[in-house]
Structures are given as structure tokens and as C-alpha cells.
């Protein structure tokens, strides 16, 4: 598996972000991991940083603005540098999965929890081929 420079985790659960950060670093999936626990802060981060992430792991179900709200704002940013969005969620809704698969911006709809094996699958199935 290759190593990305930067990954952004957007999940309202700080513990999940911490665990995912450790998994990503331990698996050498990315050298830098940024964790943000709400949609507005994540959008502001993307607007102000000149260093966009290679991969964004996005939770769907969050209080206030959710993953779909993030995607609406993200699409307005017109980031065309190859950033891949992976929807990493506990949602089992077929409607959510259908909506994600119809989005050109979302590379994959993956169920939590993240693991080294799942990172390998995401990398080989959704990131290097797209």
C-alpha cells in the first residue's frame, strides 16, 4: 500500500478520530492526519489551507451539519487536485449508499469501523484505480 501525504478525518466523535488517526499512521496510509469534529470547521479548514488533503474520511451522521451538508459545501470549493472523499459511516441506509454512489466526488461508501485491512481494501479498490 502506498502512503499519502495528508488525510483529513471529519467525524464528530473525538475518540473515533483518535483511533482512526492511530490506525492510519500505524498502517503507513498517510504521513499526516488532521482530525476535525464538525462540518463547518472542516469547510473553513479547506478554504483557508493551501495544502489540501489527499483523502478525506467523512462521517455521515453528525449533529448540526452532517456529511451531506459537507459535500454540498465541498463541491462549491471546486477542489480539483485529486482529493478523494471516502464516506466512512455507521449508516446502513441503502438510500445513503445510493446517494453516495451517484456522487462524482465520493470515491467510496464504507461502514465503520476503520481497520488496517479496510484501509488496504480502500486503497486498492477505490484510490489507486480512480
C-alpha atoms as a PDB file:
ATOM      1  CA  UNK A   1       0.000   0.000   0.000  1.00  0.00           C
ATOM      2  CA  UNK A   2       1.244   3.465  -0.837  1.00  0.00           C
ATOM      3  CA  UNK A   3       1.468   6.352   1.558  1.00  0.00           C
ATOM      4  CA  UNK A   4      -0.469   9.544   1.155  1.00  0.00           C
ATOM      5  CA  UNK A   5       0.874  12.842   2.429  1.00  0.00           C
ATOM      6  CA  UNK A   6      -2.245  14.074   4.201  1.00  0.00           C
ATOM      7  CA  UNK A   7      -5.577  12.651   5.379  1.00  0.00           C
ATOM      8  CA  UNK A   8      -8.448  14.654   6.845  1.00  0.00           C
ATOM      9  CA  UNK A   9     -10.844  12.950   9.279  1.00  0.00           C
ATOM     10  CA  UNK A  10     -14.235  14.628   9.662  1.00  0.00           C
ATOM     11  CA  UNK A  11     -16.200  12.945  12.455  1.00  0.00           C
ATOM     12  CA  UNK A  12     -17.980  14.414  15.463  1.00  0.00           C
ATOM     13  CA  UNK A  13     -16.625  11.661  17.745  1.00  0.00           C
ATOM     14  CA  UNK A  14     -13.173  12.674  19.013  1.00  0.00           C
ATOM     15  CA  UNK A  15     -12.443   9.134  20.208  1.00  0.00           C
ATOM     16  CA  UNK A  16     -13.199   7.707  16.761  1.00  0.00           C
ATOM     17  CA  UNK A  17     -10.941  10.369  15.229  1.00  0.00           C
ATOM     18  CA  UNK A  18      -8.120   9.456  17.635  1.00  0.00           C
ATOM     19  CA  UNK A  19      -8.450   5.729  16.946  1.00  0.00           C
ATOM     20  CA  UNK A  20      -8.652   6.260  13.186  1.00  0.00           C
ATOM     21  CA  UNK A  21      -5.635   8.542  13.285  1.00  0.00           C
ATOM     22  CA  UNK A  22      -3.569   5.865  15.047  1.00  0.00           C
ATOM     23  CA  UNK A  23      -4.747   3.184  12.600  1.00  0.00           C
ATOM     24  CA  UNK A  24      -3.906   5.361   9.587  1.00  0.00           C
ATOM     25  CA  UNK A  25      -0.447   6.245  10.898  1.00  0.00           C
ATOM     26  CA  UNK A  26       0.344   2.702  12.062  1.00  0.00           C
ATOM     27  CA  UNK A  27      -0.657   1.273   8.674  1.00  0.00           C
ATOM     28  CA  UNK A  28       1.518   3.932   6.992  1.00  0.00           C
ATOM     29  CA  UNK A  29      -1.507   5.002   4.945  1.00  0.00           C
ATOM     30  CA  UNK A  30      -0.591   8.679   5.432  1.00  0.00           C
ATOM     31  CA  UNK A  31       2.227  10.667   6.991  1.00  0.00           C
ATOM     32  CA  UNK A  32      -0.050  13.414   8.340  1.00  0.00           C
ATOM     33  CA  UNK A  33      -3.570  13.125   9.748  1.00  0.00           C
ATOM     34  CA  UNK A  34      -5.764  16.114  10.583  1.00  0.00           C
ATOM     35  CA  UNK A  35      -8.898  15.472  12.673  1.00  0.00           C
ATOM     36  CA  UNK A  36     -11.844  17.857  12.706  1.00  0.00           C
ATOM     37  CA  UNK A  37     -15.033  17.192  14.650  1.00  0.00           C
ATOM     38  CA  UNK A  38     -17.592  19.318  12.805  1.00  0.00           C
ATOM     39  CA  UNK A  39     -18.525  20.175   9.261  1.00  0.00           C
ATOM     40  CA  UNK A  40     -18.194  23.964   9.418  1.00  0.00           C
ATOM     41  CA  UNK A  41     -14.671  23.802  10.863  1.00  0.00           C
ATOM     42  CA  UNK A  42     -13.707  21.269   8.182  1.00  0.00           C
ATOM     43  CA  UNK A  43     -15.019  23.505   5.382  1.00  0.00           C
ATOM     44  CA  UNK A  44     -13.252  26.533   6.893  1.00  0.00           C
ATOM     45  CA  UNK A  45     -10.046  24.478   7.118  1.00  0.00           C
ATOM     46  CA  UNK A  46     -10.279  23.519   3.442  1.00  0.00           C
ATOM     47  CA  UNK A  47     -10.986  27.128   2.439  1.00  0.00           C
ATOM     48  CA  UNK A  48      -8.003  28.542   4.314  1.00  0.00           C
ATOM     49  CA  UNK A  49      -5.293  25.919   3.927  1.00  0.00           C
ATOM     50  CA  UNK A  50      -3.190  25.805   0.820  1.00  0.00           C
ATOM     51  CA  UNK A  51      -2.382  22.161   1.494  1.00  0.00           C
ATOM     52  CA  UNK A  52      -5.470  20.123   0.628  1.00  0.00           C
ATOM     53  CA  UNK A  53      -5.636  16.525   1.828  1.00  0.00           C
ATOM     54  CA  UNK A  54      -5.171  13.538  -0.451  1.00  0.00           C
ATOM     55  CA  UNK A  55      -8.031  11.678   1.241  1.00  0.00           C
ATOM     56  CA  UNK A  56     -10.977  12.839   3.346  1.00  0.00           C
ATOM     57  CA  UNK A  57     -12.706  10.282   5.572  1.00  0.00           C
ATOM     58  CA  UNK A  58     -16.157  11.761   6.153  1.00  0.00           C
ATOM     59  CA  UNK A  59     -18.733  10.656   8.714  1.00  0.00           C
ATOM     60  CA  UNK A  60     -22.313  10.959   7.549  1.00  0.00           C
ATOM     61  CA  UNK A  61     -24.301  11.271  10.770  1.00  0.00           C
ATOM     62  CA  UNK A  62     -23.205  14.282  12.786  1.00  0.00           C
ATOM     63  CA  UNK A  63     -25.206  16.780  14.843  1.00  0.00           C
ATOM     64  CA  UNK A  64     -25.991  20.070  13.144  1.00  0.00           C
ATOM     65  CA  UNK A  65     -24.433  19.958   9.701  1.00  0.00           C
ATOM     66  CA  UNK A  66     -23.957  16.374   8.504  1.00  0.00           C
ATOM     67  CA  UNK A  67     -21.872  14.651   5.850  1.00  0.00           C
ATOM     68  CA  UNK A  68     -24.289  15.617   3.083  1.00  0.00           C
ATOM     69  CA  UNK A  69     -24.066  19.268   4.144  1.00  0.00           C
ATOM     70  CA  UNK A  70     -20.276  18.920   3.994  1.00  0.00           C
ATOM     71  CA  UNK A  71     -20.482  17.556   0.453  1.00  0.00           C
ATOM     72  CA  UNK A  72     -22.690  20.456  -0.687  1.00  0.00           C
ATOM     73  CA  UNK A  73     -20.147  22.976   0.618  1.00  0.00           C
ATOM     74  CA  UNK A  74     -17.163  20.894  -0.529  1.00  0.00           C
ATOM     75  CA  UNK A  75     -18.450  20.849  -4.111  1.00  0.00           C
ATOM     76  CA  UNK A  76     -18.603  24.653  -4.060  1.00  0.00           C
ATOM     77  CA  UNK A  77     -14.881  24.773  -3.240  1.00  0.00           C
ATOM     78  CA  UNK A  78     -14.043  23.293  -6.659  1.00  0.00           C
ATOM     79  CA  UNK A  79     -11.109  21.302  -5.342  1.00  0.00           C
ATOM     80  CA  UNK A  80      -9.752  19.593  -8.415  1.00  0.00           C
ATOM     81  CA  UNK A  81      -6.397  18.427  -7.096  1.00  0.00           C
ATOM     82  CA  UNK A  82      -7.348  14.764  -6.837  1.00  0.00           C
ATOM     83  CA  UNK A  83      -8.630  14.730  -3.264  1.00  0.00           C
ATOM     84  CA  UNK A  84     -10.695  11.584  -2.698  1.00  0.00           C
ATOM     85  CA  UNK A  85     -13.655  11.579  -0.314  1.00  0.00           C
ATOM     86  CA  UNK A  86     -14.396   8.315   1.479  1.00  0.00           C
ATOM     87  CA  UNK A  87     -17.697   8.294   3.337  1.00  0.00           C
ATOM     88  CA  UNK A  88     -16.863   6.313   6.497  1.00  0.00           C
ATOM     89  CA  UNK A  89     -20.120   5.871   8.350  1.00  0.00           C
ATOM     90  CA  UNK A  90     -22.272   3.786  10.633  1.00  0.00           C
ATOM     91  CA  UNK A  91     -25.255   4.405   8.336  1.00  0.00           C
ATOM     92  CA  UNK A  92     -26.818   1.250   6.953  1.00  0.00           C
ATOM     93  CA  UNK A  93     -29.280   3.170   4.823  1.00  0.00           C
ATOM     94  CA  UNK A  94     -29.481   1.942   1.245  1.00  0.00           C
ATOM     95  CA  UNK A  95     -30.659   5.439   0.316  1.00  0.00           C
ATOM     96  CA  UNK A  96     -27.431   6.958   1.718  1.00  0.00           C
ATOM     97  CA  UNK A  97     -25.304   4.385  -0.088  1.00  0.00           C
ATOM     98  CA  UNK A  98     -27.172   5.033  -3.346  1.00  0.00           C
ATOM     99  CA  UNK A  99     -26.762   8.777  -2.961  1.00  0.00           C
ATOM    100  CA  UNK A 100     -23.040   8.371  -2.265  1.00  0.00           C
ATOM    101  CA  UNK A 101     -22.514   6.105  -5.262  1.00  0.00           C
ATOM    102  CA  UNK A 102     -24.206   8.653  -7.528  1.00  0.00           C
ATOM    103  CA  UNK A 103     -21.825  11.415  -6.412  1.00  0.00           C
ATOM    104  CA  UNK A 104     -18.770  12.029  -8.564  1.00  0.00           C
ATOM    105  CA  UNK A 105     -16.996  13.468  -5.521  1.00  0.00           C
ATOM    106  CA  UNK A 106     -17.365  10.398  -3.252  1.00  0.00           C
ATOM    107  CA  UNK A 107     -14.924   7.598  -4.058  1.00  0.00           C
ATOM    108  CA  UNK A 108     -16.473   5.060  -1.661  1.00  0.00           C
ATOM    109  CA  UNK A 109     -19.166   4.459   0.948  1.00  0.00           C
ATOM    110  CA  UNK A 110     -17.595   2.363   3.714  1.00  0.00           C
ATOM    111  CA  UNK A 111     -19.025   1.089   7.003  1.00  0.00           C
ATOM    112  CA  UNK A 112     -17.236   1.787  10.263  1.00  0.00           C
ATOM    113  CA  UNK A 113     -15.021   0.764  11.983  1.00  0.00           C
ATOM    114  CA  UNK A 114     -11.790   1.510  10.180  1.00  0.00           C
ATOM    115  CA  UNK A 115      -9.082  -1.168  10.334  1.00  0.00           C
ATOM    116  CA  UNK A 116      -5.718  -1.768   8.640  1.00  0.00           C
ATOM    117  CA  UNK A 117      -7.367  -4.401   6.441  1.00  0.00           C
ATOM    118  CA  UNK A 118     -10.114  -1.978   5.456  1.00  0.00           C
ATOM    119  CA  UNK A 119      -7.512   0.685   4.636  1.00  0.00           C
ATOM    120  CA  UNK A 120      -5.804  -1.795   2.313  1.00  0.00           C
ATOM    121  CA  UNK A 121      -9.131  -2.559   0.609  1.00  0.00           C
ATOM    122  CA  UNK A 122      -9.966   1.146   0.290  1.00  0.00           C
ATOM    123  CA  UNK A 123      -6.551   1.862  -1.164  1.00  0.00           C
ATOM    124  CA  UNK A 124      -6.574  -0.922  -3.721  1.00  0.00           C
ATOM    125  CA  UNK A 125     -10.253  -0.744  -4.674  1.00  0.00           C
ATOM    126  CA  UNK A 126     -11.087   2.941  -4.523  1.00  0.00           C
ATOM    127  CA  UNK A 127      -7.972   5.082  -4.549  1.00  0.00           C
ATOM    128  CA  UNK A 128      -5.356   3.716  -6.904  1.00  0.00           C
ATOM    129  CA  UNK A 129      -7.876   2.763  -9.573  1.00  0.00           C
ATOM    130  CA  UNK A 130      -9.746   6.068  -9.622  1.00  0.00           C
END
